[in-house]
Amino acid sequence: GDDLVSFATHSHDLHKDVRSNKWGNRQPAAVTQEWLAEKET
């Protein structure tokens, strides 16, 4: 309600790690192409 305040998204659910390769390594979700186990890629 105050014009001094603005809002931005800092993501919904990207502040976490995701699997990044077949060996199970994990990296931040926002900057990583996720490993898709069902496609093995």
PDB file of all heavy atoms in Angstrom:
ATOM      1  N   GLY A   1       0.802  -1.221   0.000  1.00  0.00           N
ATOM      2  CA  GLY A   1       0.000   0.000   0.000  1.00  0.00           C
ATOM      3  C   GLY A   1       0.831   1.266   0.000  1.00  0.00           C
ATOM      4  O   GLY A   1       0.289   2.370  -0.108  1.00  0.00           O
ATOM      5  N   ASP A   2       2.152   1.123   0.093  1.00  0.00           N
ATOM      6  CA  ASP A   2       3.042   2.283   0.125  1.00  0.00           C
ATOM      7  C   ASP A   2       3.816   2.355  -1.195  1.00  0.00           C
ATOM      8  O   ASP A   2       4.465   1.397  -1.605  1.00  0.00           O
ATOM      9  CB  ASP A   2       4.030   2.148   1.289  1.00  0.00           C
ATOM     10  CG  ASP A   2       4.763   3.448   1.580  1.00  0.00           C
ATOM     11  OD1 ASP A   2       5.112   4.158   0.622  1.00  0.00           O
ATOM     12  OD2 ASP A   2       4.993   3.734   2.771  1.00  0.00           O
ATOM     13  N   ASP A   3       3.769   3.509  -1.847  1.00  0.00           N
ATOM     14  CA  ASP A   3       4.449   3.675  -3.134  1.00  0.00           C
ATOM     15  C   ASP A   3       5.967   3.576  -3.031  1.00  0.00           C
ATOM     16  O   ASP A   3       6.645   3.445  -4.056  1.00  0.00           O
ATOM     17  CB  ASP A   3       4.081   5.028  -3.757  1.00  0.00           C
ATOM     18  CG  ASP A   3       2.631   5.087  -4.219  1.00  0.00           C
ATOM     19  OD1 ASP A   3       2.034   4.012  -4.422  1.00  0.00           O
ATOM     20  OD2 ASP A   3       2.096   6.209  -4.364  1.00  0.00           O
ATOM     21  N   LEU A   4       6.500   3.637  -1.835  1.00  0.00           N
ATOM     22  CA  LEU A   4       7.949   3.504  -1.665  1.00  0.00           C
ATOM     23  C   LEU A   4       8.417   2.076  -1.907  1.00  0.00           C
ATOM     24  O   LEU A   4       9.607   1.841  -2.156  1.00  0.00           O
ATOM     25  CB  LEU A   4       8.364   3.921  -0.246  1.00  0.00           C
ATOM     26  CG  LEU A   4       8.329   5.411   0.094  1.00  0.00           C
ATOM     27  CD1 LEU A   4       8.615   5.607   1.578  1.00  0.00           C
ATOM     28  CD2 LEU A   4       9.328   6.186  -0.751  1.00  0.00           C
ATOM     29  N   VAL A   5       7.498   1.112  -1.841  1.00  0.00           N
ATOM     30  CA  VAL A   5       7.874  -0.301  -1.891  1.00  0.00           C
ATOM     31  C   VAL A   5       7.509  -0.927  -3.232  1.00  0.00           C
ATOM     32  O   VAL A   5       6.373  -0.823  -3.689  1.00  0.00           O
ATOM     33  CB  VAL A   5       7.196  -1.098  -0.753  1.00  0.00           C
ATOM     34  CG1 VAL A   5       7.734  -2.521  -0.718  1.00  0.00           C
ATOM     35  CG2 VAL A   5       7.403  -0.408   0.593  1.00  0.00           C
ATOM     36  N   SER A   6       8.483  -1.582  -3.849  1.00  0.00           N
ATOM     37  CA  SER A   6       8.259  -2.348  -5.075  1.00  0.00           C
ATOM     38  C   SER A   6       8.504  -3.825  -4.775  1.00  0.00           C
ATOM     39  O   SER A   6       9.174  -4.168  -3.801  1.00  0.00           O
ATOM     40  CB  SER A   6       9.207  -1.898  -6.193  1.00  0.00           C
ATOM     41  OG  SER A   6       9.038  -0.536  -6.491  1.00  0.00           O
ATOM     42  N   PHE A   7       7.990  -4.685  -5.652  1.00  0.00           N
ATOM     43  CA  PHE A   7       8.159  -6.120  -5.452  1.00  0.00           C
ATOM     44  C   PHE A   7       8.702  -6.778  -6.711  1.00  0.00           C
ATOM     45  O   PHE A   7       8.351  -6.401  -7.827  1.00  0.00           O
ATOM     46  CB  PHE A   7       6.825  -6.773  -5.070  1.00  0.00           C
ATOM     47  CG  PHE A   7       6.285  -6.299  -3.756  1.00  0.00           C
ATOM     48  CD1 PHE A   7       5.421  -5.211  -3.703  1.00  0.00           C
ATOM     49  CD2 PHE A   7       6.669  -6.901  -2.573  1.00  0.00           C
ATOM     50  CE1 PHE A   7       4.929  -4.752  -2.493  1.00  0.00           C
ATOM     51  CE2 PHE A   7       6.190  -6.441  -1.351  1.00  0.00           C
ATOM     52  CZ  PHE A   7       5.320  -5.368  -1.315  1.00  0.00           C
ATOM     53  N   ALA A   8       9.551  -7.770  -6.494  1.00  0.00           N
ATOM     54  CA  ALA A   8      10.105  -8.542  -7.606  1.00  0.00           C
ATOM     55  C   ALA A   8      10.093 -10.010  -7.223  1.00  0.00           C
ATOM     56  O   ALA A   8      10.117 -10.357  -6.038  1.00  0.00           O
ATOM     57  CB  ALA A   8      11.533  -8.097  -7.905  1.00  0.00           C
ATOM     58  N   THR A   9      10.038 -10.869  -8.216  1.00  0.00           N
ATOM     59  CA  THR A   9      10.153 -12.295  -7.931  1.00  0.00           C
ATOM     60  C   THR A   9      11.625 -12.670  -7.796  1.00  0.00           C
ATOM     61  O   THR A   9      12.482 -12.205  -8.554  1.00  0.00           O
ATOM     62  CB  THR A   9       9.505 -13.169  -9.017  1.00  0.00           C
ATOM     63  OG1 THR A   9       9.810 -14.548  -8.738  1.00  0.00           O
ATOM     64  CG2 THR A   9      10.015 -12.832 -10.402  1.00  0.00           C
ATOM     65  N   HIS A  10      11.879 -13.502  -6.807  1.00  0.00           N
ATOM     66  CA  HIS A  10      13.226 -14.067  -6.610  1.00  0.00           C
ATOM     67  C   HIS A  10      13.140 -15.566  -6.893  1.00  0.00           C
ATOM     68  O   HIS A  10      13.926 -16.341  -6.368  1.00  0.00           O
ATOM     69  CB  HIS A  10      13.677 -13.796  -5.177  1.00  0.00           C
ATOM     70  CG  HIS A  10      15.156 -13.855  -4.969  1.00  0.00           C
ATOM     71  ND1 HIS A  10      16.071 -13.696  -5.989  1.00  0.00           N
ATOM     72  CD2 HIS A  10      15.906 -14.040  -3.846  1.00  0.00           C
ATOM     73  CE1 HIS A  10      17.291 -13.797  -5.507  1.00  0.00           C
ATOM     74  NE2 HIS A  10      17.218 -14.011  -4.210  1.00  0.00           N
ATOM     75  N   SER A  11      12.143 -15.912  -7.693  1.00  0.00           N
ATOM     76  CA  SER A  11      11.787 -17.271  -8.123  1.00  0.00           C
ATOM     77  C   SER A  11      10.700 -17.858  -7.214  1.00  0.00           C
ATOM     78  O   SER A  11      10.435 -17.344  -6.113  1.00  0.00           O
ATOM     79  CB  SER A  11      12.983 -18.227  -8.175  1.00  0.00           C
ATOM     80  OG  SER A  11      13.253 -18.809  -6.918  1.00  0.00           O
ATOM     81  N   HIS A  12      10.097 -18.944  -7.680  1.00  0.00           N
ATOM     82  CA  HIS A  12       9.156 -19.681  -6.837  1.00  0.00           C
ATOM     83  C   HIS A  12       9.889 -20.816  -6.137  1.00  0.00           C
ATOM     84  O   HIS A  12       9.888 -20.902  -4.911  1.00  0.00           O
ATOM     85  CB  HIS A  12       7.993 -20.256  -7.654  1.00  0.00           C
ATOM     86  CG  HIS A  12       7.033 -21.047  -6.814  1.00  0.00           C
ATOM     87  ND1 HIS A  12       6.208 -20.457  -5.880  1.00  0.00           N
ATOM     88  CD2 HIS A  12       6.811 -22.394  -6.714  1.00  0.00           C
ATOM     89  CE1 HIS A  12       5.490 -21.388  -5.251  1.00  0.00           C
ATOM     90  NE2 HIS A  12       5.852 -22.570  -5.731  1.00  0.00           N
ATOM     91  N   ASP A  13      10.559 -21.663  -6.920  1.00  0.00           N
ATOM     92  CA  ASP A  13      11.202 -22.833  -6.318  1.00  0.00           C
ATOM     93  C   ASP A  13      12.547 -23.125  -6.979  1.00  0.00           C
ATOM     94  O   ASP A  13      12.867 -24.284  -7.286  1.00  0.00           O
ATOM     95  CB  ASP A  13      10.267 -24.048  -6.445  1.00  0.00           C
ATOM     96  CG  ASP A  13      10.703 -25.222  -5.592  1.00  0.00           C
ATOM     97  OD1 ASP A  13      11.318 -24.994  -4.533  1.00  0.00           O
ATOM     98  OD2 ASP A  13      10.435 -26.381  -5.988  1.00  0.00           O
ATOM     99  N   LEU A  14      13.342 -22.086  -7.200  1.00  0.00           N
ATOM    100  CA  LEU A  14      14.654 -22.280  -7.823  1.00  0.00           C
ATOM    101  C   LEU A  14      15.805 -22.186  -6.826  1.00  0.00           C
ATOM    102  O   LEU A  14      16.963 -22.369  -7.203  1.00  0.00           O
ATOM    103  CB  LEU A  14      14.869 -21.256  -8.948  1.00  0.00           C
ATOM    104  CG  LEU A  14      13.944 -21.387 -10.159  1.00  0.00           C
ATOM    105  CD1 LEU A  14      14.238 -20.290 -11.168  1.00  0.00           C
ATOM    106  CD2 LEU A  14      14.103 -22.768 -10.818  1.00  0.00           C
ATOM    107  N   HIS A  15      15.481 -21.896  -5.575  1.00  0.00           N
ATOM    108  CA  HIS A  15      16.526 -21.819  -4.555  1.00  0.00           C
ATOM    109  C   HIS A  15      16.766 -23.214  -3.971  1.00  0.00           C
ATOM    110  O   HIS A  15      16.506 -23.487  -2.792  1.00  0.00           O
ATOM    111  CB  HIS A  15      16.138 -20.829  -3.458  1.00  0.00           C
ATOM    112  CG  HIS A  15      16.361 -19.413  -3.841  1.00  0.00           C
ATOM    113  ND1 HIS A  15      15.722 -18.815  -4.903  1.00  0.00           N
ATOM    114  CD2 HIS A  15      17.186 -18.456  -3.312  1.00  0.00           C
ATOM    115  CE1 HIS A  15      16.118 -17.562  -5.005  1.00  0.00           C
ATOM    116  NE2 HIS A  15      17.004 -17.321  -4.057  1.00  0.00           N
ATOM    117  N   LYS A  16      17.259 -24.081  -4.814  1.00  0.00           N
ATOM    118  CA  LYS A  16      17.540 -25.462  -4.405  1.00  0.00           C
ATOM    119  C   LYS A  16      18.532 -26.047  -5.401  1.00  0.00           C
ATOM    120  O   LYS A  16      18.826 -25.428  -6.438  1.00  0.00           O
ATOM    121  CB  LYS A  16      16.252 -26.294  -4.392  1.00  0.00           C
ATOM    122  CG  LYS A  16      15.620 -26.450  -5.779  1.00  0.00           C
ATOM    123  CD  LYS A  16      14.342 -27.263  -5.737  1.00  0.00           C
ATOM    124  CE  LYS A  16      13.760 -27.449  -7.144  1.00  0.00           C
ATOM    125  NZ  LYS A  16      12.497 -28.216  -7.115  1.00  0.00           N
ATOM    126  N   ASP A  17      19.045 -27.219  -5.095  1.00  0.00           N
ATOM    127  CA  ASP A  17      19.925 -27.919  -6.019  1.00  0.00           C
ATOM    128  C   ASP A  17      19.137 -28.960  -6.808  1.00  0.00           C
ATOM    129  O   ASP A  17      18.138 -29.501  -6.306  1.00  0.00           O
ATOM    130  CB  ASP A  17      21.054 -28.630  -5.266  1.00  0.00           C
ATOM    131  CG  ASP A  17      22.033 -27.654  -4.638  1.00  0.00           C
ATOM    132  OD1 ASP A  17      22.092 -26.501  -5.111  1.00  0.00           O
ATOM    133  OD2 ASP A  17      22.720 -28.048  -3.680  1.00  0.00           O
ATOM    134  N   VAL A  18      19.586 -29.232  -8.034  1.00  0.00           N
ATOM    135  CA  VAL A  18      18.991 -30.301  -8.844  1.00  0.00           C
ATOM    136  C   VAL A  18      20.112 -31.209  -9.330  1.00  0.00           C
ATOM    137  O   VAL A  18      21.283 -30.808  -9.401  1.00  0.00           O
ATOM    138  CB  VAL A  18      18.208 -29.738 -10.058  1.00  0.00           C
ATOM    139  CG1 VAL A  18      16.995 -28.949  -9.596  1.00  0.00           C
ATOM    140  CG2 VAL A  18      19.110 -28.897 -10.958  1.00  0.00           C
ATOM    141  N   ARG A  19      19.741 -32.408  -9.685  1.00  0.00           N
ATOM    142  CA  ARG A  19      20.732 -33.350 -10.219  1.00  0.00           C
ATOM    143  C   ARG A  19      21.214 -32.842 -11.570  1.00  0.00           C
ATOM    144  O   ARG A  19      20.418 -32.442 -12.422  1.00  0.00           O
ATOM    145  CB  ARG A  19      20.104 -34.736 -10.357  1.00  0.00           C
ATOM    146  CG  ARG A  19      21.091 -35.821 -10.780  1.00  0.00           C
ATOM    147  CD  ARG A  19      20.454 -37.190 -10.768  1.00  0.00           C
ATOM    148  NE  ARG A  19      21.352 -38.194 -11.317  1.00  0.00           N
ATOM    149  CZ  ARG A  19      21.045 -39.478 -11.434  1.00  0.00           C
ATOM    150  NH1 ARG A  19      19.853 -39.915 -11.037  1.00  0.00           N
ATOM    151  NH2 ARG A  19      21.916 -40.327 -11.951  1.00  0.00           N
ATOM    152  N   SER A  20      22.530 -32.878 -11.781  1.00  0.00           N
ATOM    153  CA  SER A  20      23.085 -32.290 -12.999  1.00  0.00           C
ATOM    154  C   SER A  20      23.710 -33.288 -13.963  1.00  0.00           C
ATOM    155  O   SER A  20      24.037 -32.937 -15.098  1.00  0.00           O
ATOM    156  CB  SER A  20      24.139 -31.242 -12.629  1.00  0.00           C
ATOM    157  OG  SER A  20      25.178 -31.846 -11.862  1.00  0.00           O
ATOM    158  N   ASN A  21      23.879 -34.540 -13.527  1.00  0.00           N
ATOM    159  CA  ASN A  21      24.454 -35.551 -14.427  1.00  0.00           C
ATOM    160  C   ASN A  21      24.126 -36.959 -13.938  1.00  0.00           C
ATOM    161  O   ASN A  21      23.509 -37.130 -12.879  1.00  0.00           O
ATOM    162  CB  ASN A  21      25.972 -35.361 -14.564  1.00  0.00           C
ATOM    163  CG  ASN A  21      26.683 -35.400 -13.209  1.00  0.00           C
ATOM    164  OD1 ASN A  21      26.349 -36.206 -12.335  1.00  0.00           O
ATOM    165  ND2 ASN A  21      27.656 -34.518 -13.031  1.00  0.00           N
ATOM    166  N   LYS A  22      24.548 -37.945 -14.713  1.00  0.00           N
ATOM    167  CA  LYS A  22      24.194 -39.334 -14.383  1.00  0.00           C
ATOM    168  C   LYS A  22      24.889 -39.838 -13.122  1.00  0.00           C
ATOM    169  O   LYS A  22      24.483 -40.851 -12.546  1.00  0.00           O
ATOM    170  CB  LYS A  22      24.515 -40.251 -15.559  1.00  0.00           C
ATOM    171  CG  LYS A  22      25.988 -40.346 -15.913  1.00  0.00           C
ATOM    172  CD  LYS A  22      26.188 -41.266 -17.117  1.00  0.00           C
ATOM    173  CE  LYS A  22      27.651 -41.369 -17.507  1.00  0.00           C
ATOM    174  NZ  LYS A  22      27.832 -42.265 -18.691  1.00  0.00           N
ATOM    175  N   TRP A  23      25.935 -39.150 -12.679  1.00  0.00           N
ATOM    176  CA  TRP A  23      26.670 -39.575 -11.491  1.00  0.00           C
ATOM    177  C   TRP A  23      26.047 -39.032 -10.207  1.00  0.00           C
ATOM    178  O   TRP A  23      26.525 -39.315  -9.117  1.00  0.00           O
ATOM    179  CB  TRP A  23      28.131 -39.129 -11.594  1.00  0.00           C
ATOM    180  CG  TRP A  23      28.830 -39.790 -12.747  1.00  0.00           C
ATOM    181  CD1 TRP A  23      29.296 -41.088 -12.814  1.00  0.00           C
ATOM    182  CD2 TRP A  23      29.100 -39.191 -14.005  1.00  0.00           C
ATOM    183  NE1 TRP A  23      29.845 -41.323 -14.036  1.00  0.00           N
ATOM    184  CE2 TRP A  23      29.746 -40.178 -14.808  1.00  0.00           C
ATOM    185  CE3 TRP A  23      28.884 -37.933 -14.562  1.00  0.00           C
ATOM    186  CZ2 TRP A  23      30.152 -39.939 -16.106  1.00  0.00           C
ATOM    187  CZ3 TRP A  23      29.288 -37.688 -15.855  1.00  0.00           C
ATOM    188  CH2 TRP A  23      29.918 -38.675 -16.616  1.00  0.00           C
ATOM    189  N   GLY A  24      25.015 -38.231 -10.348  1.00  0.00           N
ATOM    190  CA  GLY A  24      24.313 -37.756  -9.169  1.00  0.00           C
ATOM    191  C   GLY A  24      24.806 -36.447  -8.586  1.00  0.00           C
ATOM    192  O   GLY A  24      24.369 -36.044  -7.505  1.00  0.00           O
ATOM    193  N   ASN A  25      25.715 -35.774  -9.259  1.00  0.00           N
ATOM    194  CA  ASN A  25      26.153 -34.458  -8.780  1.00  0.00           C
ATOM    195  C   ASN A  25      24.992 -33.472  -8.802  1.00  0.00           C
ATOM    196  O   ASN A  25      24.099 -33.577  -9.633  1.00  0.00           O
ATOM    197  CB  ASN A  25      27.288 -33.918  -9.658  1.00  0.00           C
ATOM    198  CG  ASN A  25      28.512 -34.809  -9.624  1.00  0.00           C
ATOM    199  OD1 ASN A  25      28.764 -35.552 -10.559  1.00  0.00           O
ATOM    200  ND2 ASN A  25      29.259 -34.766  -8.540  1.00  0.00           N
ATOM    201  N   ARG A  26      25.030 -32.503  -7.902  1.00  0.00           N
ATOM    202  CA  ARG A  26      23.937 -31.548  -7.794  1.00  0.00           C
ATOM    203  C   ARG A  26      24.470 -30.123  -7.901  1.00  0.00           C
ATOM    204  O   ARG A  26      25.556 -29.816  -7.403  1.00  0.00           O
ATOM    205  CB  ARG A  26      23.172 -31.745  -6.486  1.00  0.00           C
ATOM    206  CG  ARG A  26      22.592 -33.147  -6.328  1.00  0.00           C
ATOM    207  CD  ARG A  26      21.746 -33.283  -5.079  1.00  0.00           C
ATOM    208  NE  ARG A  26      20.492 -32.557  -5.195  1.00  0.00           N
ATOM    209  CZ  ARG A  26      19.420 -33.024  -5.834  1.00  0.00           C
ATOM    210  NH1 ARG A  26      19.438 -34.213  -6.418  1.00  0.00           N
ATOM    211  NH2 ARG A  26      18.310 -32.299  -5.887  1.00  0.00           N
ATOM    212  N   GLN A  27      23.695 -29.263  -8.565  1.00  0.00           N
ATOM    213  CA  GLN A  27      24.063 -27.875  -8.794  1.00  0.00           C
ATOM    214  C   GLN A  27      22.825 -26.994  -8.602  1.00  0.00           C
ATOM    215  O   GLN A  27      21.696 -27.486  -8.619  1.00  0.00           O
ATOM    216  CB  GLN A  27      24.612 -27.697 -10.217  1.00  0.00           C
ATOM    217  CG  GLN A  27      25.886 -28.475 -10.519  1.00  0.00           C
ATOM    218  CD  GLN A  27      27.084 -27.979  -9.743  1.00  0.00           C
ATOM    219  OE1 GLN A  27      27.141 -26.799  -9.359  1.00  0.00           O
ATOM    220  NE2 GLN A  27      28.039 -28.866  -9.478  1.00  0.00           N
ATOM    221  N   PRO A  28      23.011 -25.675  -8.428  1.00  0.00           N
ATOM    222  CA  PRO A  28      21.865 -24.774  -8.243  1.00  0.00           C
ATOM    223  C   PRO A  28      20.875 -24.858  -9.413  1.00  0.00           C
ATOM    224  O   PRO A  28      21.269 -24.806 -10.579  1.00  0.00           O
ATOM    225  CB  PRO A  28      22.517 -23.390  -8.159  1.00  0.00           C
ATOM    226  CG  PRO A  28      23.900 -23.662  -7.663  1.00  0.00           C
ATOM    227  CD  PRO A  28      24.299 -24.956  -8.299  1.00  0.00           C
ATOM    228  N   ALA A  29      19.594 -24.946  -9.074  1.00  0.00           N
ATOM    229  CA  ALA A  29      18.545 -25.164 -10.080  1.00  0.00           C
ATOM    230  C   ALA A  29      18.443 -24.041 -11.101  1.00  0.00           C
ATOM    231  O   ALA A  29      18.109 -24.278 -12.265  1.00  0.00           O
ATOM    232  CB  ALA A  29      17.200 -25.340  -9.377  1.00  0.00           C
ATOM    233  N   ALA A  30      18.722 -22.815 -10.671  1.00  0.00           N
ATOM    234  CA  ALA A  30      18.521 -21.674 -11.565  1.00  0.00           C
ATOM    235  C   ALA A  30      19.549 -21.583 -12.680  1.00  0.00           C
ATOM    236  O   ALA A  30      19.298 -20.949 -13.706  1.00  0.00           O
ATOM    237  CB  ALA A  30      18.530 -20.376 -10.760  1.00  0.00           C
ATOM    238  N   VAL A  31      20.693 -22.213 -12.506  1.00  0.00           N
ATOM    239  CA  VAL A  31      21.770 -22.062 -13.494  1.00  0.00           C
ATOM    240  C   VAL A  31      22.242 -23.400 -14.058  1.00  0.00           C
ATOM    241  O   VAL A  31      23.305 -23.489 -14.665  1.00  0.00           O
ATOM    242  CB  VAL A  31      22.973 -21.310 -12.867  1.00  0.00           C
ATOM    243  CG1 VAL A  31      22.591 -19.888 -12.512  1.00  0.00           C
ATOM    244  CG2 VAL A  31      23.506 -22.039 -11.637  1.00  0.00           C
ATOM    245  N   THR A  32      21.423 -24.441 -13.893  1.00  0.00           N
ATOM    246  CA  THR A  32      21.842 -25.785 -14.282  1.00  0.00           C
ATOM    247  C   THR A  32      20.810 -26.453 -15.179  1.00  0.00           C
ATOM    248  O   THR A  32      19.608 -26.402 -14.903  1.00  0.00           O
ATOM    249  CB  THR A  32      22.034 -26.670 -13.025  1.00  0.00           C
ATOM    250  OG1 THR A  32      22.996 -26.057 -12.168  1.00  0.00           O
ATOM    251  CG2 THR A  32      22.492 -28.070 -13.397  1.00  0.00           C
ATOM    252  N   GLN A  33      21.287 -27.061 -16.258  1.00  0.00           N
ATOM    253  CA  GLN A  33      20.408 -27.920 -17.054  1.00  0.00           C
ATOM    254  C   GLN A  33      20.257 -29.241 -16.300  1.00  0.00           C
ATOM    255  O   GLN A  33      21.210 -29.976 -16.097  1.00  0.00           O
ATOM    256  CB  GLN A  33      21.000 -28.128 -18.459  1.00  0.00           C
ATOM    257  CG  GLN A  33      20.898 -26.888 -19.333  1.00  0.00           C
ATOM    258  CD  GLN A  33      21.618 -27.026 -20.647  1.00  0.00           C
ATOM    259  OE1 GLN A  33      22.646 -26.374 -20.858  1.00  0.00           O
ATOM    260  NE2 GLN A  33      21.108 -27.864 -21.539  1.00  0.00           N
ATOM    261  N   GLU A  34      19.042 -29.507 -15.883  1.00  0.00           N
ATOM    262  CA  GLU A  34      18.756 -30.626 -14.974  1.00  0.00           C
ATOM    263  C   GLU A  34      18.877 -31.975 -15.674  1.00  0.00           C
ATOM    264  O   GLU A  34      18.509 -32.132 -16.835  1.00  0.00           O
ATOM    265  CB  GLU A  34      17.344 -30.453 -14.403  1.00  0.00           C
ATOM    266  CG  GLU A  34      16.991 -31.449 -13.320  1.00  0.00           C
ATOM    267  CD  GLU A  34      15.639 -31.155 -12.689  1.00  0.00           C
ATOM    268  OE1 GLU A  34      14.967 -30.199 -13.130  1.00  0.00           O
ATOM    269  OE2 GLU A  34      15.263 -31.891 -11.748  1.00  0.00           O
ATOM    270  N   TRP A  35      19.377 -32.959 -14.922  1.00  0.00           N
ATOM    271  CA  TRP A  35      19.456 -34.327 -15.423  1.00  0.00           C
ATOM    272  C   TRP A  35      18.064 -34.945 -15.386  1.00  0.00           C
ATOM    273  O   TRP A  35      17.376 -34.925 -14.371  1.00  0.00           O
ATOM    274  CB  TRP A  35      20.397 -35.169 -14.566  1.00  0.00           C
ATOM    275  CG  TRP A  35      20.416 -36.636 -14.936  1.00  0.00           C
ATOM    276  CD1 TRP A  35      19.739 -37.643 -14.311  1.00  0.00           C
ATOM    277  CD2 TRP A  35      21.135 -37.243 -16.009  1.00  0.00           C
ATOM    278  NE1 TRP A  35      19.998 -38.848 -14.915  1.00  0.00           N
ATOM    279  CE2 TRP A  35      20.848 -38.634 -15.979  1.00  0.00           C
ATOM    280  CE3 TRP A  35      21.986 -36.758 -16.998  1.00  0.00           C
ATOM    281  CZ2 TRP A  35      21.395 -39.534 -16.888  1.00  0.00           C
ATOM    282  CZ3 TRP A  35      22.533 -37.657 -17.907  1.00  0.00           C
ATOM    283  CH2 TRP A  35      22.238 -39.030 -17.849  1.00  0.00           C
ATOM    284  N   LEU A  36      17.608 -35.466 -16.530  1.00  0.00           N
ATOM    285  CA  LEU A  36      16.297 -36.097 -16.628  1.00  0.00           C
ATOM    286  C   LEU A  36      16.491 -37.605 -16.608  1.00  0.00           C
ATOM    287  O   LEU A  36      16.896 -38.210 -17.607  1.00  0.00           O
ATOM    288  CB  LEU A  36      15.597 -35.654 -17.920  1.00  0.00           C
ATOM    289  CG  LEU A  36      15.447 -34.126 -18.097  1.00  0.00           C
ATOM    290  CD1 LEU A  36      14.850 -33.804 -19.456  1.00  0.00           C
ATOM    291  CD2 LEU A  36      14.600 -33.539 -16.976  1.00  0.00           C
ATOM    292  N   ALA A  37      16.236 -38.210 -15.448  1.00  0.00           N
ATOM    293  CA  ALA A  37      16.513 -39.630 -15.266  1.00  0.00           C
ATOM    294  C   ALA A  37      15.752 -40.501 -16.251  1.00  0.00           C
ATOM    295  O   ALA A  37      16.280 -41.497 -16.764  1.00  0.00           O
ATOM    296  CB  ALA A  37      16.166 -40.035 -13.832  1.00  0.00           C
ATOM    297  N   GLU A  38      14.489 -40.112 -16.533  1.00  0.00           N
ATOM    298  CA  GLU A  38      13.677 -40.943 -17.427  1.00  0.00           C
ATOM    299  C   GLU A  38      14.208 -40.942 -18.863  1.00  0.00           C
ATOM    300  O   GLU A  38      13.990 -41.880 -19.617  1.00  0.00           O
ATOM    301  CB  GLU A  38      12.211 -40.478 -17.406  1.00  0.00           C
ATOM    302  CG  GLU A  38      11.933 -39.095 -17.996  1.00  0.00           C
ATOM    303  CD  GLU A  38      12.220 -37.955 -17.052  1.00  0.00           C
ATOM    304  OE1 GLU A  38      12.787 -38.208 -15.975  1.00  0.00           O
ATOM    305  OE2 GLU A  38      11.870 -36.803 -17.402  1.00  0.00           O
ATOM    306  N   LYS A  39      14.927 -39.879 -19.225  1.00  0.00           N
ATOM    307  CA  LYS A  39      15.503 -39.784 -20.578  1.00  0.00           C
ATOM    308  C   LYS A  39      16.998 -40.091 -20.587  1.00  0.00           C
ATOM    309  O   LYS A  39      17.610 -40.191 -21.652  1.00  0.00           O
ATOM    310  CB  LYS A  39      15.283 -38.383 -21.150  1.00  0.00           C
ATOM    311  CG  LYS A  39      13.829 -38.011 -21.378  1.00  0.00           C
ATOM    312  CD  LYS A  39      13.726 -36.616 -22.003  1.00  0.00           C
ATOM    313  CE  LYS A  39      12.289 -36.223 -22.267  1.00  0.00           C
ATOM    314  NZ  LYS A  39      12.188 -34.858 -22.863  1.00  0.00           N
ATOM    315  N   GLU A  40      17.570 -40.213 -19.400  1.00  0.00           N
ATOM    316  CA  GLU A  40      19.002 -40.439 -19.225  1.00  0.00           C
ATOM    317  C   GLU A  40      19.844 -39.402 -19.968  1.00  0.00           C
ATOM    318  O   GLU A  40      20.839 -39.729 -20.635  1.00  0.00           O
ATOM    319  CB  GLU A  40      19.381 -41.869 -19.667  1.00  0.00           C
ATOM    320  CG  GLU A  40      18.733 -42.942 -18.814  1.00  0.00           C
ATOM    321  CD  GLU A  40      19.260 -44.335 -19.120  1.00  0.00           C
ATOM    322  OE1 GLU A  40      19.837 -44.505 -20.207  1.00  0.00           O
ATOM    323  OE2 GLU A  40      19.103 -45.221 -18.272  1.00  0.00           O
ATOM    324  N   THR A  41      19.442 -38.161 -19.809  1.00  0.00           N
ATOM    325  CA  THR A  41      20.173 -37.049 -20.409  1.00  0.00           C
ATOM    326  C   THR A  41      19.793 -35.768 -19.675  1.00  0.00           C
ATOM    327  O   THR A  41      18.849 -35.766 -18.886  1.00  0.00           O
ATOM    328  CB  THR A  41      19.841 -36.918 -21.913  1.00  0.00           C
ATOM    329  OG1 THR A  41      20.697 -35.915 -22.493  1.00  0.00           O
ATOM    330  CG2 THR A  41      18.387 -36.517 -22.122  1.00  0.00           C
TER     331      THR A  41
END
